[in-house]
Amino acid sequence: MKDTKELAAIAAVVAIMTQEPFDSFQERQIPQIQTAWQSWGARQTMQYRDITQRRIIKRAR
């Protein structure tokens, strides 16, 4: 019984030592730089959302 436990412990340690590393580090992708038009469109969208949320735009009745 003692020999089987020792053998199992040794086998577990050997299996852990021969295992490939599981933490694969991946570098972050470089974000794409926005063009002038994309930047302008994003600003316009955010401004329109802000105006809409503040209800500055008056609805036609």
PDB file of N, CA and C in Angstrom:
ATOM      1  N   MET A   1       0.840  -1.191   0.000  1.00  0.00           N
ATOM      2  CA  MET A   1       0.000   0.000   0.000  1.00  0.00           C
ATOM      3  C   MET A   1       0.880   1.248   0.000  1.00  0.00           C
ATOM      4  N   LYS A   2       1.937   1.237   0.819  1.00  0.00           N
ATOM      5  CA  LYS A   2       2.811   2.391   0.909  1.00  0.00           C
ATOM      6  C   LYS A   2       3.559   2.592  -0.404  1.00  0.00           C
ATOM      7  N   ASP A   3       3.973   1.496  -1.031  1.00  0.00           N
ATOM      8  CA  ASP A   3       4.694   1.591  -2.302  1.00  0.00           C
ATOM      9  C   ASP A   3       3.808   2.170  -3.403  1.00  0.00           C
ATOM     10  N   THR A   4       2.547   1.798  -3.435  1.00  0.00           N
ATOM     11  CA  THR A   4       1.651   2.305  -4.476  1.00  0.00           C
ATOM     12  C   THR A   4       1.394   3.805  -4.292  1.00  0.00           C
ATOM     13  N   LYS A   5       1.301   4.251  -3.021  1.00  0.00           N
ATOM     14  CA  LYS A   5       1.106   5.687  -2.778  1.00  0.00           C
ATOM     15  C   LYS A   5       2.353   6.475  -3.194  1.00  0.00           C
ATOM     16  N   GLU A   6       3.521   5.925  -2.875  1.00  0.00           N
ATOM     17  CA  GLU A   6       4.754   6.601  -3.278  1.00  0.00           C
ATOM     18  C   GLU A   6       4.879   6.626  -4.797  1.00  0.00           C
ATOM     19  N   LEU A   7       4.561   5.534  -5.432  1.00  0.00           N
ATOM     20  CA  LEU A   7       4.624   5.460  -6.887  1.00  0.00           C
ATOM     21  C   LEU A   7       3.642   6.444  -7.522  1.00  0.00           C
ATOM     22  N   ALA A   8       2.450   6.546  -6.961  1.00  0.00           N
ATOM     23  CA  ALA A   8       1.459   7.492  -7.482  1.00  0.00           C
ATOM     24  C   ALA A   8       1.925   8.927  -7.291  1.00  0.00           C
ATOM     25  N   ALA A   9       2.541   9.248  -6.147  1.00  0.00           N
ATOM     26  CA  ALA A   9       3.043  10.595  -5.890  1.00  0.00           C
ATOM     27  C   ALA A   9       4.178  10.932  -6.851  1.00  0.00           C
ATOM     28  N   ILE A  10       5.087   9.981  -7.071  1.00  0.00           N
ATOM     29  CA  ILE A  10       6.196  10.211  -7.997  1.00  0.00           C
ATOM     30  C   ILE A  10       5.660  10.393  -9.420  1.00  0.00           C
ATOM     31  N   ALA A  11       4.693   9.595  -9.803  1.00  0.00           N
ATOM     32  CA  ALA A  11       4.115   9.714 -11.141  1.00  0.00           C
ATOM     33  C   ALA A  11       3.427  11.070 -11.315  1.00  0.00           C
ATOM     34  N   ALA A  12       2.764  11.547 -10.276  1.00  0.00           N
ATOM     35  CA  ALA A  12       2.100  12.853 -10.350  1.00  0.00           C
ATOM     36  C   ALA A  12       3.115  13.979 -10.505  1.00  0.00           C
ATOM     37  N   VAL A  13       4.214  13.897  -9.749  1.00  0.00           N
ATOM     38  CA  VAL A  13       5.250  14.927  -9.838  1.00  0.00           C
ATOM     39  C   VAL A  13       5.892  14.909 -11.222  1.00  0.00           C
ATOM     40  N   VAL A  14       6.187  13.735 -11.744  1.00  0.00           N
ATOM     41  CA  VAL A  14       6.787  13.627 -13.068  1.00  0.00           C
ATOM     42  C   VAL A  14       5.830  14.173 -14.129  1.00  0.00           C
ATOM     43  N   ALA A  15       4.560  13.881 -13.992  1.00  0.00           N
ATOM     44  CA  ALA A  15       3.575  14.379 -14.957  1.00  0.00           C
ATOM     45  C   ALA A  15       3.497  15.902 -14.917  1.00  0.00           C
ATOM     46  N   ILE A  16       3.561  16.477 -13.727  1.00  0.00           N
ATOM     47  CA  ILE A  16       3.516  17.937 -13.592  1.00  0.00           C
ATOM     48  C   ILE A  16       4.770  18.562 -14.180  1.00  0.00           C
ATOM     49  N   MET A  17       5.918  17.935 -13.937  1.00  0.00           N
ATOM     50  CA  MET A  17       7.184  18.491 -14.415  1.00  0.00           C
ATOM     51  C   MET A  17       7.302  18.419 -15.938  1.00  0.00           C
ATOM     52  N   THR A  18       6.739  17.396 -16.563  1.00  0.00           N
ATOM     53  CA  THR A  18       6.857  17.242 -18.015  1.00  0.00           C
ATOM     54  C   THR A  18       5.725  17.941 -18.763  1.00  0.00           C
ATOM     55  N   GLN A  19       4.803  18.516 -18.048  1.00  0.00           N
ATOM     56  CA  GLN A  19       3.666  19.193 -18.668  1.00  0.00           C
ATOM     57  C   GLN A  19       4.128  20.478 -19.343  1.00  0.00           C
ATOM     58  N   GLU A  20       3.494  20.811 -20.463  1.00  0.00           N
ATOM     59  CA  GLU A  20       3.823  22.062 -21.129  1.00  0.00           C
ATOM     60  C   GLU A  20       3.254  23.222 -20.316  1.00  0.00           C
ATOM     61  N   PRO A  21       3.917  24.365 -20.362  1.00  0.00           N
ATOM     62  CA  PRO A  21       3.374  25.508 -19.621  1.00  0.00           C
ATOM     63  C   PRO A  21       2.004  25.889 -20.176  1.00  0.00           C
ATOM     64  N   PHE A  22       1.078  26.137 -19.298  1.00  0.00           N
ATOM     65  CA  PHE A  22      -0.296  26.391 -19.715  1.00  0.00           C
ATOM     66  C   PHE A  22      -0.621  27.876 -19.786  1.00  0.00           C
ATOM     67  N   ASP A  23       0.271  28.713 -19.293  1.00  0.00           N
ATOM     68  CA  ASP A  23      -0.017  30.147 -19.332  1.00  0.00           C
ATOM     69  C   ASP A  23       0.684  30.756 -20.541  1.00  0.00           C
ATOM     70  N   SER A  24      -0.041  30.839 -21.628  1.00  0.00           N
ATOM     71  CA  SER A  24       0.539  31.407 -22.842  1.00  0.00           C
ATOM     72  C   SER A  24       0.221  32.901 -22.873  1.00  0.00           C
ATOM     73  N   PHE A  25       1.260  33.691 -22.816  1.00  0.00           N
ATOM     74  CA  PHE A  25       1.103  35.139 -22.803  1.00  0.00           C
ATOM     75  C   PHE A  25       1.008  35.645 -24.234  1.00  0.00           C
ATOM     76  N   GLN A  26      -0.023  36.429 -24.502  1.00  0.00           N
ATOM     77  CA  GLN A  26      -0.174  37.017 -25.823  1.00  0.00           C
ATOM     78  C   GLN A  26      -0.125  38.529 -25.675  1.00  0.00           C
ATOM     79  N   GLU A  27       0.734  39.143 -26.473  1.00  0.00           N
ATOM     80  CA  GLU A  27       0.836  40.589 -26.409  1.00  0.00           C
ATOM     81  C   GLU A  27      -0.430  41.216 -26.985  1.00  0.00           C
ATOM     82  N   ARG A  28      -0.748  42.411 -26.475  1.00  0.00           N
ATOM     83  CA  ARG A  28      -1.928  43.103 -26.970  1.00  0.00           C
ATOM     84  C   ARG A  28      -1.702  43.585 -28.393  1.00  0.00           C
ATOM     85  N   GLN A  29      -2.772  43.582 -29.157  1.00  0.00           N
ATOM     86  CA  GLN A  29      -2.696  44.073 -30.518  1.00  0.00           C
ATOM     87  C   GLN A  29      -2.594  45.596 -30.495  1.00  0.00           C
ATOM     88  N   ILE A  30      -1.846  46.141 -31.421  1.00  0.00           N
ATOM     89  CA  ILE A  30      -1.746  47.590 -31.523  1.00  0.00           C
ATOM     90  C   ILE A  30      -3.060  48.103 -32.119  1.00  0.00           C
ATOM     91  N   PRO A  31      -3.721  49.025 -31.432  1.00  0.00           N
ATOM     92  CA  PRO A  31      -4.999  49.508 -31.968  1.00  0.00           C
ATOM     93  C   PRO A  31      -4.785  50.284 -33.263  1.00  0.00           C
ATOM     94  N   GLN A  32      -5.777  50.211 -34.119  1.00  0.00           N
ATOM     95  CA  GLN A  32      -5.681  50.932 -35.381  1.00  0.00           C
ATOM     96  C   GLN A  32      -5.890  52.421 -35.120  1.00  0.00           C
ATOM     97  N   ILE A  33      -5.084  53.219 -35.741  1.00  0.00           N
ATOM     98  CA  ILE A  33      -5.198  54.665 -35.580  1.00  0.00           C
ATOM     99  C   ILE A  33      -6.357  55.154 -36.439  1.00  0.00           C
ATOM    100  N   GLN A  34      -7.211  55.975 -35.843  1.00  0.00           N
ATOM    101  CA  GLN A  34      -8.369  56.479 -36.567  1.00  0.00           C
ATOM    102  C   GLN A  34      -7.954  57.531 -37.584  1.00  0.00           C
ATOM    103  N   THR A  35      -8.685  57.555 -38.670  1.00  0.00           N
ATOM    104  CA  THR A  35      -8.463  58.611 -39.646  1.00  0.00           C
ATOM    105  C   THR A  35      -9.203  59.855 -39.165  1.00  0.00           C
ATOM    106  N   ALA A  36      -9.001  60.938 -39.854  1.00  0.00           N
ATOM    107  CA  ALA A  36      -9.667  62.187 -39.483  1.00  0.00           C
ATOM    108  C   ALA A  36     -11.181  62.054 -39.592  1.00  0.00           C
ATOM    109  N   TRP A  37     -11.647  61.360 -40.626  1.00  0.00           N
ATOM    110  CA  TRP A  37     -13.095  61.207 -40.800  1.00  0.00           C
ATOM    111  C   TRP A  37     -13.708  60.329 -39.720  1.00  0.00           C
ATOM    112  N   GLN A  38     -13.006  59.273 -39.327  1.00  0.00           N
ATOM    113  CA  GLN A  38     -13.524  58.408 -38.265  1.00  0.00           C
ATOM    114  C   GLN A  38     -13.593  59.170 -36.951  1.00  0.00           C
ATOM    115  N   SER A  39     -12.569  59.967 -36.687  1.00  0.00           N
ATOM    116  CA  SER A  39     -12.553  60.764 -35.463  1.00  0.00           C
ATOM    117  C   SER A  39     -13.695  61.771 -35.460  1.00  0.00           C
ATOM    118  N   TRP A  40     -13.905  62.419 -36.594  1.00  0.00           N
ATOM    119  CA  TRP A  40     -14.984  63.403 -36.697  1.00  0.00           C
ATOM    120  C   TRP A  40     -16.345  62.725 -36.500  1.00  0.00           C
ATOM    121  N   GLY A  41     -16.537  61.576 -37.117  1.00  0.00           N
ATOM    122  CA  GLY A  41     -17.804  60.857 -36.992  1.00  0.00           C
ATOM    123  C   GLY A  41     -18.063  60.422 -35.556  1.00  0.00           C
ATOM    124  N   ALA A  42     -17.015  59.973 -34.866  1.00  0.00           N
ATOM    125  CA  ALA A  42     -17.174  59.556 -33.467  1.00  0.00           C
ATOM    126  C   ALA A  42     -17.553  60.746 -32.594  1.00  0.00           C
ATOM    127  N   ARG A  43     -16.915  61.896 -32.839  1.00  0.00           N
ATOM    128  CA  ARG A  43     -17.247  63.103 -32.062  1.00  0.00           C
ATOM    129  C   ARG A  43     -18.681  63.546 -32.321  1.00  0.00           C
ATOM    130  N   GLN A  44     -19.104  63.498 -33.592  1.00  0.00           N
ATOM    131  CA  GLN A  44     -20.468  63.889 -33.932  1.00  0.00           C
ATOM    132  C   GLN A  44     -21.482  62.954 -33.263  1.00  0.00           C
ATOM    133  N   THR A  45     -21.197  61.668 -33.284  1.00  0.00           N
ATOM    134  CA  THR A  45     -22.099  60.698 -32.670  1.00  0.00           C
ATOM    135  C   THR A  45     -22.227  60.947 -31.170  1.00  0.00           C
ATOM    136  N   MET A  46     -21.108  61.174 -30.505  1.00  0.00           N
ATOM    137  CA  MET A  46     -21.153  61.415 -29.067  1.00  0.00           C
ATOM    138  C   MET A  46     -21.865  62.726 -28.751  1.00  0.00           C
ATOM    139  N   GLN A  47     -21.659  63.753 -29.584  1.00  0.00           N
ATOM    140  CA  GLN A  47     -22.336  65.021 -29.360  1.00  0.00           C
ATOM    141  C   GLN A  47     -23.843  64.859 -29.535  1.00  0.00           C
ATOM    142  N   TYR A  48     -24.270  64.111 -30.550  1.00  0.00           N
ATOM    143  CA  TYR A  48     -25.697  63.898 -30.781  1.00  0.00           C
ATOM    144  C   TYR A  48     -26.315  63.096 -29.633  1.00  0.00           C
ATOM    145  N   ARG A  49     -25.595  62.119 -29.129  1.00  0.00           N
ATOM    146  CA  ARG A  49     -26.098  61.356 -27.980  1.00  0.00           C
ATOM    147  C   ARG A  49     -26.260  62.256 -26.763  1.00  0.00           C
ATOM    148  N   ASP A  50     -25.283  63.135 -26.565  1.00  0.00           N
ATOM    149  CA  ASP A  50     -25.348  64.049 -25.423  1.00  0.00           C
ATOM    150  C   ASP A  50     -26.540  64.986 -25.554  1.00  0.00           C
ATOM    151  N   ILE A  51     -26.723  65.535 -26.737  1.00  0.00           N
ATOM    152  CA  ILE A  51     -27.848  66.451 -26.966  1.00  0.00           C
ATOM    153  C   ILE A  51     -29.167  65.723 -26.765  1.00  0.00           C
ATOM    154  N   THR A  52     -29.256  64.491 -27.283  1.00  0.00           N
ATOM    155  CA  THR A  52     -30.495  63.726 -27.168  1.00  0.00           C
ATOM    156  C   THR A  52     -30.799  63.396 -25.707  1.00  0.00           C
ATOM    157  N   GLN A  53     -29.784  63.009 -24.954  1.00  0.00           N
ATOM    158  CA  GLN A  53     -30.015  62.651 -23.564  1.00  0.00           C
ATOM    159  C   GLN A  53     -30.410  63.868 -22.736  1.00  0.00           C
ATOM    160  N   ARG A  54     -29.877  65.032 -23.088  1.00  0.00           N
ATOM    161  CA  ARG A  54     -30.242  66.244 -22.356  1.00  0.00           C
ATOM    162  C   ARG A  54     -31.537  66.856 -22.863  1.00  0.00           C
ATOM    163  N   ARG A  55     -32.095  66.266 -23.921  1.00  0.00           N
ATOM    164  CA  ARG A  55     -33.348  66.708 -24.525  1.00  0.00           C
ATOM    165  C   ARG A  55     -33.284  68.167 -24.979  1.00  0.00           C
ATOM    166  N   ILE A  56     -32.142  68.527 -25.534  1.00  0.00           N
ATOM    167  CA  ILE A  56     -31.988  69.871 -26.075  1.00  0.00           C
ATOM    168  C   ILE A  56     -32.696  69.989 -27.403  1.00  0.00           C
ATOM    169  N   ILE A  57     -32.734  68.879 -28.142  1.00  0.00           N
ATOM    170  CA  ILE A  57     -33.426  68.901 -29.426  1.00  0.00           C
ATOM    171  C   ILE A  57     -34.919  68.959 -29.135  1.00  0.00           C
ATOM    172  N   LYS A  58     -35.576  69.983 -29.656  1.00  0.00           N
ATOM    173  CA  LYS A  58     -37.011  70.123 -29.433  1.00  0.00           C
ATOM    174  C   LYS A  58     -37.767  69.331 -30.476  1.00  0.00           C
ATOM    175  N   ARG A  59     -38.699  68.552 -30.009  1.00  0.00           N
ATOM    176  CA  ARG A  59     -39.500  67.743 -30.929  1.00  0.00           C
ATOM    177  C   ARG A  59     -40.576  68.596 -31.558  1.00  0.00           C
ATOM    178  N   ALA A  60     -40.821  68.332 -32.827  1.00  0.00           N
ATOM    179  CA  ALA A  60     -41.891  69.047 -33.523  1.00  0.00           C
ATOM    180  C   ALA A  60     -43.229  68.449 -33.091  1.00  0.00           C
ATOM    181  N   ARG A  61     -44.170  69.300 -32.675  1.00  0.00           N
ATOM    182  CA  ARG A  61     -45.468  68.782 -32.198  1.00  0.00           C
ATOM    183  C   ARG A  61     -46.519  68.893 -33.234  1.00  0.00           C
TER     184      ARG A  61
END
